[in-house]
PDB file of N, CA and C in Angstrom:
ATOM      1  N   MET A   1      17.824  -2.049  11.951  1.00  0.00           N
ATOM      2  CA  MET A   1      17.067  -2.491  10.797  1.00  0.00           C
ATOM      3  C   MET A   1      16.889  -1.329   9.816  1.00  0.00           C
ATOM      4  N   GLY A   2      16.412  -1.638   8.637  1.00  0.00           N
ATOM      5  CA  GLY A   2      16.323  -0.633   7.591  1.00  0.00           C
ATOM      6  C   GLY A   2      14.946  -0.041   7.395  1.00  0.00           C
ATOM      7  N   LYS A   3      14.926   1.015   6.577  1.00  0.00           N
ATOM      8  CA  LYS A   3      13.684   1.673   6.177  1.00  0.00           C
ATOM      9  C   LYS A   3      13.402   1.305   4.730  1.00  0.00           C
ATOM     10  N   LEU A   4      12.217   0.755   4.490  1.00  0.00           N
ATOM     11  CA  LEU A   4      11.843   0.296   3.166  1.00  0.00           C
ATOM     12  C   LEU A   4      10.607   1.040   2.688  1.00  0.00           C
ATOM     13  N   LEU A   5      10.645   1.500   1.446  1.00  0.00           N
ATOM     14  CA  LEU A   5       9.486   2.093   0.793  1.00  0.00           C
ATOM     15  C   LEU A   5       9.057   1.147  -0.320  1.00  0.00           C
ATOM     16  N   ILE A   6       7.780   0.831  -0.355  1.00  0.00           N
ATOM     17  CA  ILE A   6       7.212   0.048  -1.445  1.00  0.00           C
ATOM     18  C   ILE A   6       6.229   0.939  -2.180  1.00  0.00           C
ATOM     19  N   HIS A   7       6.501   1.165  -3.461  1.00  0.00           N
ATOM     20  CA  HIS A   7       5.664   2.018  -4.306  1.00  0.00           C
ATOM     21  C   HIS A   7       4.909   1.103  -5.261  1.00  0.00           C
ATOM     22  N   LEU A   8       3.598   1.122  -5.167  1.00  0.00           N
ATOM     23  CA  LEU A   8       2.752   0.239  -5.958  1.00  0.00           C
ATOM     24  C   LEU A   8       1.806   1.070  -6.808  1.00  0.00           C
ATOM     25  N   THR A   9       1.753   0.754  -8.106  1.00  0.00           N
ATOM     26  CA  THR A   9       0.820   1.452  -9.004  1.00  0.00           C
ATOM     27  C   THR A   9      -0.190   0.501  -9.643  1.00  0.00           C
ATOM     28  N   HIS A  10      -0.037  -0.800  -9.429  1.00  0.00           N
ATOM     29  CA  HIS A  10      -0.976  -1.775 -10.003  1.00  0.00           C
ATOM     30  C   HIS A  10      -2.041  -2.138  -8.992  1.00  0.00           C
ATOM     31  N   GLY A  11      -3.226  -2.410  -9.510  1.00  0.00           N
ATOM     32  CA  GLY A  11      -4.335  -2.818  -8.666  1.00  0.00           C
ATOM     33  C   GLY A  11      -4.894  -4.151  -9.113  1.00  0.00           C
ATOM     34  N   THR A  12      -6.201  -4.217  -9.212  1.00  0.00           N
ATOM     35  CA  THR A  12      -6.872  -5.474  -9.538  1.00  0.00           C
ATOM     36  C   THR A  12      -6.566  -5.960 -10.951  1.00  0.00           C
ATOM     37  N   GLU A  13      -6.103  -5.065 -11.828  1.00  0.00           N
ATOM     38  CA  GLU A  13      -5.770  -5.482 -13.192  1.00  0.00           C
ATOM     39  C   GLU A  13      -4.472  -6.287 -13.241  1.00  0.00           C
ATOM     40  N   ALA A  14      -3.690  -6.240 -12.189  1.00  0.00           N
ATOM     41  CA  ALA A  14      -2.435  -7.007 -12.090  1.00  0.00           C
ATOM     42  C   ALA A  14      -2.375  -7.614 -10.683  1.00  0.00           C
ATOM     43  N   PRO A  15      -3.222  -8.608 -10.429  1.00  0.00           N
ATOM     44  CA  PRO A  15      -3.379  -9.111  -9.058  1.00  0.00           C
ATOM     45  C   PRO A  15      -2.115  -9.669  -8.423  1.00  0.00           C
ATOM     46  N   THR A  16      -1.270 -10.312  -9.196  1.00  0.00           N
ATOM     47  CA  THR A  16      -0.060 -10.870  -8.600  1.00  0.00           C
ATOM     48  C   THR A  16       0.884  -9.783  -8.141  1.00  0.00           C
ATOM     49  N   GLN A  17       1.040  -8.724  -8.929  1.00  0.00           N
ATOM     50  CA  GLN A  17       1.908  -7.624  -8.513  1.00  0.00           C
ATOM     51  C   GLN A  17       1.357  -6.936  -7.276  1.00  0.00           C
ATOM     52  N   ALA A  18       0.050  -6.756  -7.213  1.00  0.00           N
ATOM     53  CA  ALA A  18      -0.557  -6.135  -6.034  1.00  0.00           C
ATOM     54  C   ALA A  18      -0.320  -6.995  -4.802  1.00  0.00           C
ATOM     55  N   ASP A  19      -0.575  -8.277  -4.947  1.00  0.00           N
ATOM     56  CA  ASP A  19      -0.401  -9.217  -3.844  1.00  0.00           C
ATOM     57  C   ASP A  19       1.046  -9.262  -3.374  1.00  0.00           C
ATOM     58  N   ARG A  20       1.981  -9.314  -4.295  1.00  0.00           N
ATOM     59  CA  ARG A  20       3.400  -9.415  -3.934  1.00  0.00           C
ATOM     60  C   ARG A  20       3.883  -8.181  -3.186  1.00  0.00           C
ATOM     61  N   ALA A  21       3.404  -7.007  -3.566  1.00  0.00           N
ATOM     62  CA  ALA A  21       3.812  -5.784  -2.859  1.00  0.00           C
ATOM     63  C   ALA A  21       3.409  -5.851  -1.385  1.00  0.00           C
ATOM     64  N   PHE A  22       2.191  -6.314  -1.116  1.00  0.00           N
ATOM     65  CA  PHE A  22       1.736  -6.439   0.265  1.00  0.00           C
ATOM     66  C   PHE A  22       2.471  -7.565   0.991  1.00  0.00           C
ATOM     67  N   LEU A  23       2.780  -8.658   0.295  1.00  0.00           N
ATOM     68  CA  LEU A  23       3.551  -9.744   0.904  1.00  0.00           C
ATOM     69  C   LEU A  23       4.935  -9.263   1.317  1.00  0.00           C
ATOM     70  N   ILE A  24       5.593  -8.524   0.448  1.00  0.00           N
ATOM     71  CA  ILE A  24       6.942  -8.026   0.760  1.00  0.00           C
ATOM     72  C   ILE A  24       6.878  -7.052   1.936  1.00  0.00           C
ATOM     73  N   ALA A  25       5.873  -6.190   1.962  1.00  0.00           N
ATOM     74  CA  ALA A  25       5.720  -5.260   3.092  1.00  0.00           C
ATOM     75  C   ALA A  25       5.531  -6.032   4.392  1.00  0.00           C
ATOM     76  N   GLN A  26       4.664  -7.017   4.375  1.00  0.00           N
ATOM     77  CA  GLN A  26       4.421  -7.837   5.565  1.00  0.00           C
ATOM     78  C   GLN A  26       5.696  -8.559   6.005  1.00  0.00           C
ATOM     79  N   THR A  27       6.405  -9.127   5.054  1.00  0.00           N
ATOM     80  CA  THR A  27       7.638  -9.855   5.352  1.00  0.00           C
ATOM     81  C   THR A  27       8.673  -8.934   5.986  1.00  0.00           C
ATOM     82  N   ALA A  28       8.842  -7.753   5.420  1.00  0.00           N
ATOM     83  CA  ALA A  28       9.821  -6.801   5.954  1.00  0.00           C
ATOM     84  C   ALA A  28       9.457  -6.386   7.380  1.00  0.00           C
ATOM     85  N   ILE A  29       8.180  -6.172   7.637  1.00  0.00           N
ATOM     86  CA  ILE A  29       7.746  -5.799   8.990  1.00  0.00           C
ATOM     87  C   ILE A  29       8.025  -6.940   9.966  1.00  0.00           C
ATOM     88  N   LYS A  30       7.709  -8.145   9.558  1.00  0.00           N
ATOM     89  CA  LYS A  30       7.963  -9.300  10.438  1.00  0.00           C
ATOM     90  C   LYS A  30       9.459  -9.467  10.722  1.00  0.00           C
ATOM     91  N   ASP A  31      10.299  -9.017   9.781  1.00  0.00           N
ATOM     92  CA  ASP A  31      11.747  -9.078   9.966  1.00  0.00           C
ATOM     93  C   ASP A  31      12.286  -7.879  10.742  1.00  0.00           C
ATOM     94  N   GLY A  32      11.407  -6.981  11.179  1.00  0.00           N
ATOM     95  CA  GLY A  32      11.808  -5.866  12.019  1.00  0.00           C
ATOM     96  C   GLY A  32      12.147  -4.573  11.303  1.00  0.00           C
ATOM     97  N   HIS A  33      11.835  -4.479  10.013  1.00  0.00           N
ATOM     98  CA  HIS A  33      12.139  -3.259   9.258  1.00  0.00           C
ATOM     99  C   HIS A  33      10.985  -2.256   9.365  1.00  0.00           C
ATOM    100  N   GLU A  34      11.306  -1.003   9.144  1.00  0.00           N
ATOM    101  CA  GLU A  34      10.322   0.063   9.085  1.00  0.00           C
ATOM    102  C   GLU A  34       9.824   0.146   7.642  1.00  0.00           C
ATOM    103  N   VAL A  35       8.514   0.042   7.461  1.00  0.00           N
ATOM    104  CA  VAL A  35       7.954  -0.041   6.114  1.00  0.00           C
ATOM    105  C   VAL A  35       6.915   1.043   5.874  1.00  0.00           C
ATOM    106  N   SER A  36       7.033   1.681   4.713  1.00  0.00           N
ATOM    107  CA  SER A  36       6.018   2.601   4.200  1.00  0.00           C
ATOM    108  C   SER A  36       5.609   2.104   2.829  1.00  0.00           C
ATOM    109  N   MET A  37       4.321   2.217   2.552  1.00  0.00           N
ATOM    110  CA  MET A  37       3.814   1.889   1.222  1.00  0.00           C
ATOM    111  C   MET A  37       3.171   3.145   0.653  1.00  0.00           C
ATOM    112  N   PHE A  38       3.388   3.381  -0.630  1.00  0.00           N
ATOM    113  CA  PHE A  38       2.730   4.491  -1.322  1.00  0.00           C
ATOM    114  C   PHE A  38       1.974   3.869  -2.485  1.00  0.00           C
ATOM    115  N   LEU A  39       0.649   3.938  -2.415  1.00  0.00           N
ATOM    116  CA  LEU A  39      -0.205   3.360  -3.439  1.00  0.00           C
ATOM    117  C   LEU A  39      -0.727   4.471  -4.341  1.00  0.00           C
ATOM    118  N   ALA A  40      -0.425   4.354  -5.628  1.00  0.00           N
ATOM    119  CA  ALA A  40      -0.836   5.356  -6.608  1.00  0.00           C
ATOM    120  C   ALA A  40      -1.499   4.651  -7.787  1.00  0.00           C
ATOM    121  N   GLY A  41      -2.108   5.428  -8.647  1.00  0.00           N
ATOM    122  CA  GLY A  41      -2.774   4.854  -9.807  1.00  0.00           C
ATOM    123  C   GLY A  41      -3.853   3.883  -9.376  1.00  0.00           C
ATOM    124  N   GLU A  42      -3.942   2.768 -10.099  1.00  0.00           N
ATOM    125  CA  GLU A  42      -4.965   1.761  -9.807  1.00  0.00           C
ATOM    126  C   GLU A  42      -4.790   1.120  -8.430  1.00  0.00           C
ATOM    127  N   ALA A  43      -3.587   1.183  -7.876  1.00  0.00           N
ATOM    128  CA  ALA A  43      -3.344   0.586  -6.554  1.00  0.00           C
ATOM    129  C   ALA A  43      -4.167   1.258  -5.462  1.00  0.00           C
ATOM    130  N   ALA A  44      -4.546   2.514  -5.651  1.00  0.00           N
ATOM    131  CA  ALA A  44      -5.342   3.206  -4.638  1.00  0.00           C
ATOM    132  C   ALA A  44      -6.662   2.482  -4.385  1.00  0.00           C
ATOM    133  N   LYS A  45      -7.185   1.813  -5.398  1.00  0.00           N
ATOM    134  CA  LYS A  45      -8.459   1.091  -5.263  1.00  0.00           C
ATOM    135  C   LYS A  45      -8.349  -0.124  -4.349  1.00  0.00           C
ATOM    136  N   LEU A  46      -7.144  -0.595  -4.093  1.00  0.00           N
ATOM    137  CA  LEU A  46      -6.969  -1.801  -3.288  1.00  0.00           C
ATOM    138  C   LEU A  46      -7.430  -1.620  -1.846  1.00  0.00           C
ATOM    139  N   ILE A  47      -7.510  -0.393  -1.376  1.00  0.00           N
ATOM    140  CA  ILE A  47      -7.853  -0.144   0.021  1.00  0.00           C
ATOM    141  C   ILE A  47      -9.367  -0.087   0.251  1.00  0.00           C
ATOM    142  N   THR A  48     -10.157  -0.215  -0.789  1.00  0.00           N
ATOM    143  CA  THR A  48     -11.610  -0.283  -0.586  1.00  0.00           C
ATOM    144  C   THR A  48     -11.952  -1.628   0.059  1.00  0.00           C
ATOM    145  N   ASN A  49     -13.045  -1.669   0.814  1.00  0.00           N
ATOM    146  CA  ASN A  49     -13.438  -2.916   1.488  1.00  0.00           C
ATOM    147  C   ASN A  49     -13.602  -4.063   0.499  1.00  0.00           C
ATOM    148  N   GLU A  50     -14.179  -3.775  -0.650  1.00  0.00           N
ATOM    149  CA  GLU A  50     -14.388  -4.816  -1.667  1.00  0.00           C
ATOM    150  C   GLU A  50     -13.073  -5.492  -2.042  1.00  0.00           C
ATOM    151  N   ASN A  51     -12.031  -4.709  -2.233  1.00  0.00           N
ATOM    152  CA  ASN A  51     -10.745  -5.279  -2.633  1.00  0.00           C
ATOM    153  C   ASN A  51      -9.942  -5.828  -1.468  1.00  0.00           C
ATOM    154  N   LEU A  52     -10.067  -5.226  -0.289  1.00  0.00           N
ATOM    155  CA  LEU A  52      -9.361  -5.773   0.874  1.00  0.00           C
ATOM    156  C   LEU A  52      -9.864  -7.170   1.220  1.00  0.00           C
ATOM    157  N   ASP A  53     -11.117  -7.431   0.919  1.00  0.00           N
ATOM    158  CA  ASP A  53     -11.715  -8.708   1.284  1.00  0.00           C
ATOM    159  C   ASP A  53     -11.651  -9.747   0.165  1.00  0.00           C
ATOM    160  N   ARG A  54     -10.835  -9.490  -0.845  1.00  0.00           N
ATOM    161  CA  ARG A  54     -10.647 -10.432  -1.948  1.00  0.00           C
ATOM    162  C   ARG A  54      -9.205 -10.931  -1.974  1.00  0.00           C
ATOM    163  N   GLN A  55      -9.062 -12.101  -2.538  1.00  0.00           N
ATOM    164  CA  GLN A  55      -7.719 -12.631  -2.778  1.00  0.00           C
ATOM    165  C   GLN A  55      -7.221 -12.045  -4.091  1.00  0.00           C
ATOM    166  N   HIS A  56      -5.996 -11.576  -4.086  1.00  0.00           N
ATOM    167  CA  HIS A  56      -5.342 -11.067  -5.290  1.00  0.00           C
ATOM    168  C   HIS A  56      -4.061 -11.881  -5.445  1.00  0.00           C
ATOM    169  N   GLY A  57      -3.816 -12.386  -6.611  1.00  0.00           N
ATOM    170  CA  GLY A  57      -2.602 -13.173  -6.792  1.00  0.00           C
ATOM    171  C   GLY A  57      -2.721 -14.517  -6.108  1.00  0.00           C
ATOM    172  N   PHE A  58      -1.673 -14.903  -5.383  1.00  0.00           N
ATOM    173  CA  PHE A  58      -1.593 -16.248  -4.828  1.00  0.00           C
ATOM    174  C   PHE A  58      -1.683 -16.307  -3.316  1.00  0.00           C
ATOM    175  N   GLY A  59      -1.769 -15.181  -2.658  1.00  0.00           N
ATOM    176  CA  GLY A  59      -1.743 -15.169  -1.202  1.00  0.00           C
ATOM    177  C   GLY A  59      -3.125 -15.155  -0.590  1.00  0.00           C
ATOM    178  N   PRO A  60      -3.178 -14.819   0.690  1.00  0.00           N
ATOM    179  CA  PRO A  60      -4.472 -14.703   1.376  1.00  0.00           C
ATOM    180  C   PRO A  60      -5.205 -13.447   0.915  1.00  0.00           C
ATOM    181  N   ILE A  61      -6.370 -13.198   1.499  1.00  0.00           N
ATOM    182  CA  ILE A  61      -7.067 -11.964   1.149  1.00  0.00           C
ATOM    183  C   ILE A  61      -6.189 -10.776   1.550  1.00  0.00           C
ATOM    184  N   LEU A  62      -6.346  -9.701   0.841  1.00  0.00           N
ATOM    185  CA  LEU A  62      -5.490  -8.529   1.041  1.00  0.00           C
ATOM    186  C   LEU A  62      -5.622  -7.955   2.453  1.00  0.00           C
ATOM    187  N   ARG A  63      -6.798  -8.077   3.049  1.00  0.00           N
ATOM    188  CA  ARG A  63      -6.998  -7.540   4.400  1.00  0.00           C
ATOM    189  C   ARG A  63      -6.046  -8.195   5.404  1.00  0.00           C
ATOM    190  N   ASP A  64      -5.721  -9.461   5.217  1.00  0.00           N
ATOM    191  CA  ASP A  64      -4.781 -10.125   6.124  1.00  0.00           C
ATOM    192  C   ASP A  64      -3.421  -9.444   6.077  1.00  0.00           C
ATOM    193  N   TYR A  65      -2.947  -9.161   4.864  1.00  0.00           N
ATOM    194  CA  TYR A  65      -1.687  -8.425   4.720  1.00  0.00           C
ATOM    195  C   TYR A  65      -1.804  -7.035   5.333  1.00  0.00           C
ATOM    196  N   TYR A  66      -2.887  -6.337   4.972  1.00  0.00           N
ATOM    197  CA  TYR A  66      -3.122  -4.971   5.459  1.00  0.00           C
ATOM    198  C   TYR A  66      -3.059  -4.944   6.986  1.00  0.00           C
ATOM    199  N   ASN A  67      -3.779  -5.849   7.633  1.00  0.00           N
ATOM    200  CA  ASN A  67      -3.819  -5.871   9.100  1.00  0.00           C
ATOM    201  C   ASN A  67      -2.432  -6.095   9.691  1.00  0.00           C
ATOM    202  N   THR A  68      -1.674  -7.014   9.134  1.00  0.00           N
ATOM    203  CA  THR A  68      -0.324  -7.280   9.633  1.00  0.00           C
ATOM    204  C   THR A  68       0.574  -6.058   9.462  1.00  0.00           C
ATOM    205  N   ILE A  69       0.462  -5.408   8.318  1.00  0.00           N
ATOM    206  CA  ILE A  69       1.275  -4.213   8.049  1.00  0.00           C
ATOM    207  C   ILE A  69       0.950  -3.113   9.055  1.00  0.00           C
ATOM    208  N   ILE A  70      -0.330  -2.825   9.245  1.00  0.00           N
ATOM    209  CA  ILE A  70      -0.742  -1.757  10.166  1.00  0.00           C
ATOM    210  C   ILE A  70      -0.390  -2.119  11.607  1.00  0.00           C
ATOM    211  N   GLU A  71      -0.709  -3.327  12.015  1.00  0.00           N
ATOM    212  CA  GLU A  71      -0.412  -3.752  13.391  1.00  0.00           C
ATOM    213  C   GLU A  71       1.083  -3.761  13.676  1.00  0.00           C
ATOM    214  N   GLY A  72       1.890  -3.952  12.645  1.00  0.00           N
ATOM    215  CA  GLY A  72       3.340  -3.966  12.801  1.00  0.00           C
ATOM    216  C   GLY A  72       3.976  -2.593  12.690  1.00  0.00           C
ATOM    217  N   GLY A  73       3.164  -1.554  12.600  1.00  0.00           N
ATOM    218  CA  GLY A  73       3.684  -0.195  12.548  1.00  0.00           C
ATOM    219  C   GLY A  73       3.930   0.341  11.151  1.00  0.00           C
ATOM    220  N   GLY A  74       3.552  -0.417  10.131  1.00  0.00           N
ATOM    221  CA  GLY A  74       3.718   0.063   8.763  1.00  0.00           C
ATOM    222  C   GLY A  74       2.784   1.221   8.456  1.00  0.00           C
ATOM    223  N   LYS A  75       3.206   2.039   7.518  1.00  0.00           N
ATOM    224  CA  LYS A  75       2.423   3.204   7.105  1.00  0.00           C
ATOM    225  C   LYS A  75       1.994   3.004   5.655  1.00  0.00           C
ATOM    226  N   ILE A  76       0.724   3.307   5.380  1.00  0.00           N
ATOM    227  CA  ILE A  76       0.220   3.216   4.018  1.00  0.00           C
ATOM    228  C   ILE A  76      -0.291   4.584   3.602  1.00  0.00           C
ATOM    229  N   TYR A  77       0.263   5.085   2.511  1.00  0.00           N
ATOM    230  CA  TYR A  77      -0.124   6.373   1.939  1.00  0.00           C
ATOM    231  C   TYR A  77      -0.815   6.114   0.610  1.00  0.00           C
ATOM    232  N   LEU A  78      -1.898   6.844   0.377  1.00  0.00           N
ATOM    233  CA  LEU A  78      -2.607   6.765  -0.891  1.00  0.00           C
ATOM    234  C   LEU A  78      -2.436   8.082  -1.625  1.00  0.00           C
ATOM    235  N   SER A  79      -2.151   7.989  -2.909  1.00  0.00           N
ATOM    236  CA  SER A  79      -2.072   9.194  -3.715  1.00  0.00           C
ATOM    237  C   SER A  79      -3.435   9.881  -3.712  1.00  0.00           C
ATOM    238  N   LYS A  80      -3.459  11.093  -3.215  1.00  0.00           N
ATOM    239  CA  LYS A  80      -4.710  11.853  -3.166  1.00  0.00           C
ATOM    240  C   LYS A  80      -5.252  12.076  -4.578  1.00  0.00           C
ATOM    241  N   MET A  81      -4.363  12.389  -5.512  1.00  0.00           N
ATOM    242  CA  MET A  81      -4.773  12.619  -6.891  1.00  0.00           C
ATOM    243  C   MET A  81      -5.353  11.344  -7.511  1.00  0.00           C
ATOM    244  N   SER A  82      -4.738  10.204  -7.220  1.00  0.00           N
ATOM    245  CA  SER A  82      -5.242   8.932  -7.752  1.00  0.00           C
ATOM    246  C   SER A  82      -6.618   8.614  -7.187  1.00  0.00           C
ATOM    247  N   CYS A  83      -6.813   8.864  -5.908  1.00  0.00           N
ATOM    248  CA  CYS A  83      -8.121   8.626  -5.294  1.00  0.00           C
ATOM    249  C   CYS A  83      -9.184   9.531  -5.915  1.00  0.00           C
ATOM    250  N   GLU A  84      -8.862  10.806  -6.048  1.00  0.00           N
ATOM    251  CA  GLU A  84      -9.819  11.752  -6.613  1.00  0.00           C
ATOM    252  C   GLU A  84     -10.174  11.393  -8.053  1.00  0.00           C
ATOM    253  N   SER A  85      -9.185  11.050  -8.862  1.00  0.00           N
ATOM    254  CA  SER A  85      -9.447  10.764 -10.271  1.00  0.00           C
ATOM    255  C   SER A  85     -10.168   9.433 -10.473  1.00  0.00           C
ATOM    256  N   ARG A  86     -10.173   8.568  -9.464  1.00  0.00           N
ATOM    257  CA  ARG A  86     -10.846   7.278  -9.562  1.00  0.00           C
ATOM    258  C   ARG A  86     -12.128   7.226  -8.741  1.00  0.00           C
ATOM    259  N   GLY A  87     -12.526   8.356  -8.205  1.00  0.00           N
ATOM    260  CA  GLY A  87     -13.780   8.429  -7.473  1.00  0.00           C
ATOM    261  C   GLY A  87     -13.789   7.695  -6.148  1.00  0.00           C
ATOM    262  N   ILE A  88     -12.630   7.532  -5.541  1.00  0.00           N
ATOM    263  CA  ILE A  88     -12.561   6.886  -4.231  1.00  0.00           C
ATOM    264  C   ILE A  88     -12.900   7.936  -3.184  1.00  0.00           C
ATOM    265  N   SER A  89     -13.984   7.703  -2.475  1.00  0.00           N
ATOM    266  CA  SER A  89     -14.486   8.696  -1.529  1.00  0.00           C
ATOM    267  C   SER A  89     -13.858   8.527  -0.150  1.00  0.00           C
ATOM    268  N   LEU A  90     -13.963   9.582   0.630  1.00  0.00           N
ATOM    269  CA  LEU A  90     -13.477   9.517   2.013  1.00  0.00           C
ATOM    270  C   LEU A  90     -14.268   8.484   2.810  1.00  0.00           C
ATOM    271  N   GLU A  91     -15.539   8.291   2.457  1.00  0.00           N
ATOM    272  CA  GLU A  91     -16.354   7.289   3.147  1.00  0.00           C
ATOM    273  C   GLU A  91     -15.781   5.886   2.930  1.00  0.00           C
ATOM    274  N   GLU A  92     -15.266   5.612   1.723  1.00  0.00           N
ATOM    275  CA  GLU A  92     -14.671   4.304   1.447  1.00  0.00           C
ATOM    276  C   GLU A  92     -13.393   4.077   2.246  1.00  0.00           C
ATOM    277  N   LEU A  93     -12.752   5.160   2.652  1.00  0.00           N
ATOM    278  CA  LEU A  93     -11.498   5.062   3.401  1.00  0.00           C
ATOM    279  C   LEU A  93     -11.709   5.152   4.905  1.00  0.00           C
ATOM    280  N   GLU A  94     -12.933   5.448   5.316  1.00  0.00           N
ATOM    281  CA  GLU A  94     -13.230   5.626   6.737  1.00  0.00           C
ATOM    282  C   GLU A  94     -12.867   4.362   7.526  1.00  0.00           C
ATOM    283  N   GLY A  95     -12.179   4.581   8.624  1.00  0.00           N
ATOM    284  CA  GLY A  95     -11.774   3.486   9.487  1.00  0.00           C
ATOM    285  C   GLY A  95     -10.474   2.815   9.076  1.00  0.00           C
ATOM    286  N   LYS A  96      -9.956   3.177   7.926  1.00  0.00           N
ATOM    287  CA  LYS A  96      -8.700   2.603   7.450  1.00  0.00           C
ATOM    288  C   LYS A  96      -7.541   3.452   7.980  1.00  0.00           C
ATOM    289  N   LYS A  97      -6.464   2.823   8.292  1.00  0.00           N
ATOM    290  CA  LYS A  97      -5.288   3.550   8.766  1.00  0.00           C
ATOM    291  C   LYS A  97      -4.399   3.849   7.570  1.00  0.00           C
ATOM    292  N   VAL A  98      -4.865   4.800   6.777  1.00  0.00           N
ATOM    293  CA  VAL A  98      -4.137   5.250   5.597  1.00  0.00           C
ATOM    294  C   VAL A  98      -4.139   6.768   5.599  1.00  0.00           C
ATOM    295  N   GLU A  99      -3.210   7.331   4.869  1.00  0.00           N
ATOM    296  CA  GLU A  99      -3.123   8.785   4.769  1.00  0.00           C
ATOM    297  C   GLU A  99      -3.146   9.181   3.291  1.00  0.00           C
ATOM    298  N   LEU A 100      -4.029  10.121   2.958  1.00  0.00           N
ATOM    299  CA  LEU A 100      -4.012  10.675   1.608  1.00  0.00           C
ATOM    300  C   LEU A 100      -2.807  11.595   1.497  1.00  0.00           C
ATOM    301  N   ALA A 101      -2.082  11.472   0.396  1.00  0.00           N
ATOM    302  CA  ALA A 101      -0.820  12.207   0.289  1.00  0.00           C
ATOM    303  C   ALA A 101      -0.636  12.790  -1.116  1.00  0.00           C
ATOM    304  N   PRO A 102      -0.005  13.972  -1.174  1.00  0.00           N
ATOM    305  CA  PRO A 102       0.335  14.582  -2.469  1.00  0.00           C
ATOM    306  C   PRO A 102       1.627  13.971  -3.012  1.00  0.00           C
ATOM    307  N   PRO A 103       1.982  14.291  -4.256  1.00  0.00           N
ATOM    308  CA  PRO A 103       3.190  13.727  -4.861  1.00  0.00           C
ATOM    309  C   PRO A 103       4.468  13.979  -4.070  1.00  0.00           C
ATOM    310  N   ASN A 104       4.575  15.136  -3.414  1.00  0.00           N
ATOM    311  CA  ASN A 104       5.817  15.416  -2.694  1.00  0.00           C
ATOM    312  C   ASN A 104       6.029  14.463  -1.510  1.00  0.00           C
ATOM    313  N   LYS A 105       4.978  13.813  -1.031  1.00  0.00           N
ATOM    314  CA  LYS A 105       5.140  12.817   0.032  1.00  0.00           C
ATOM    315  C   LYS A 105       5.908  11.608  -0.495  1.00  0.00           C
ATOM    316  N   LEU A 106       5.643  11.215  -1.737  1.00  0.00           N
ATOM    317  CA  LEU A 106       6.390  10.115  -2.336  1.00  0.00           C
ATOM    318  C   LEU A 106       7.867  10.468  -2.449  1.00  0.00           C
ATOM    319  N   VAL A 107       8.154  11.696  -2.816  1.00  0.00           N
ATOM    320  CA  VAL A 107       9.547  12.149  -2.893  1.00  0.00           C
ATOM    321  C   VAL A 107      10.186  12.085  -1.505  1.00  0.00           C
ATOM    322  N   GLU A 108       9.490  12.599  -0.513  1.00  0.00           N
ATOM    323  CA  GLU A 108      10.001  12.584   0.867  1.00  0.00           C
ATOM    324  C   GLU A 108      10.278  11.162   1.345  1.00  0.00           C
ATOM    325  N   LEU A 109       9.334  10.261   1.116  1.00  0.00           N
ATOM    326  CA  LEU A 109       9.509   8.870   1.540  1.00  0.00           C
ATOM    327  C   LEU A 109      10.677   8.208   0.806  1.00  0.00           C
ATOM    328  N   SER A 110      10.813   8.509  -0.468  1.00  0.00           N
ATOM    329  CA  SER A 110      11.913   7.938  -1.265  1.00  0.00           C
ATOM    330  C   SER A 110      13.263   8.368  -0.727  1.00  0.00           C
ATOM    331  N   LEU A 111      13.381   9.632  -0.396  1.00  0.00           N
ATOM    332  CA  LEU A 111      14.660  10.147   0.100  1.00  0.00           C
ATOM    333  C   LEU A 111      14.992   9.634   1.501  1.00  0.00           C
ATOM    334  N   ALA A 112      13.956   9.332   2.286  1.00  0.00           N
ATOM    335  CA  ALA A 112      14.174   8.853   3.647  1.00  0.00           C
ATOM    336  C   ALA A 112      14.428   7.349   3.716  1.00  0.00           C
ATOM    337  N   ALA A 113      14.061   6.616   2.680  1.00  0.00           N
ATOM    338  CA  ALA A 113      14.181   5.154   2.688  1.00  0.00           C
ATOM    339  C   ALA A 113      15.615   4.711   2.407  1.00  0.00           C
ATOM    340  N   ASP A 114      15.975   3.582   3.005  1.00  0.00           N
ATOM    341  CA  ASP A 114      17.253   2.950   2.673  1.00  0.00           C
ATOM    342  C   ASP A 114      17.151   2.248   1.321  1.00  0.00           C
ATOM    343  N   SER A 115      15.963   1.698   1.054  1.00  0.00           N
ATOM    344  CA  SER A 115      15.714   0.987  -0.199  1.00  0.00           C
ATOM    345  C   SER A 115      14.266   1.223  -0.623  1.00  0.00           C
ATOM    346  N   THR A 116      14.058   1.199  -1.933  1.00  0.00           N
ATOM    347  CA  THR A 116      12.721   1.343  -2.496  1.00  0.00           C
ATOM    348  C   THR A 116      12.463   0.182  -3.451  1.00  0.00           C
ATOM    349  N   ILE A 117      11.294  -0.401  -3.320  1.00  0.00           N
ATOM    350  CA  ILE A 117      10.850  -1.437  -4.244  1.00  0.00           C
ATOM    351  C   ILE A 117       9.632  -0.873  -4.965  1.00  0.00           C
ATOM    352  N   THR A 118       9.649  -0.975  -6.287  1.00  0.00           N
ATOM    353  CA  THR A 118       8.549  -0.442  -7.082  1.00  0.00           C
ATOM    354  C   THR A 118       7.860  -1.570  -7.841  1.00  0.00           C
ATOM    355  N   TYR A 119       6.573  -1.620  -7.711  1.00  0.00           N
ATOM    356  CA  TYR A 119       5.732  -2.507  -8.513  1.00  0.00           C
ATOM    357  C   TYR A 119       4.891  -1.605  -9.391  1.00  0.00           C
ATOM    358  N   GLY A 120       5.338  -1.399 -10.622  1.00  0.00           N
ATOM    359  CA  GLY A 120       4.645  -0.453 -11.479  1.00  0.00           C
ATOM    360  C   GLY A 120       4.676  -0.852 -12.917  1.00  0.00           C
TER     361      GLY A 120
END
């Protein structure tokens, strides 16, 4: 199976794009692919409890996608700079299986992936 990177920069201001990125990640995991997501810009806000527990776009609540992605071995990286500039605290991320990452992590993930899908 392949390695897929999904790079998402939209958040609640573009709910369908946010929802679709998580749907594609979930679908790829269910199909047996290795999936990494890199959330930057407004997308970093999606991992807060308030947003995980809301429906975005046309699918289920985001937490359902998140849980499937994590349980299926998917990795979710949040832009550290995006979190800092948007006031997302470590307390808001506590208990979440996400990793704060610098820009070079996105480069590393891009080079390691067989394919990259960008929602930006």
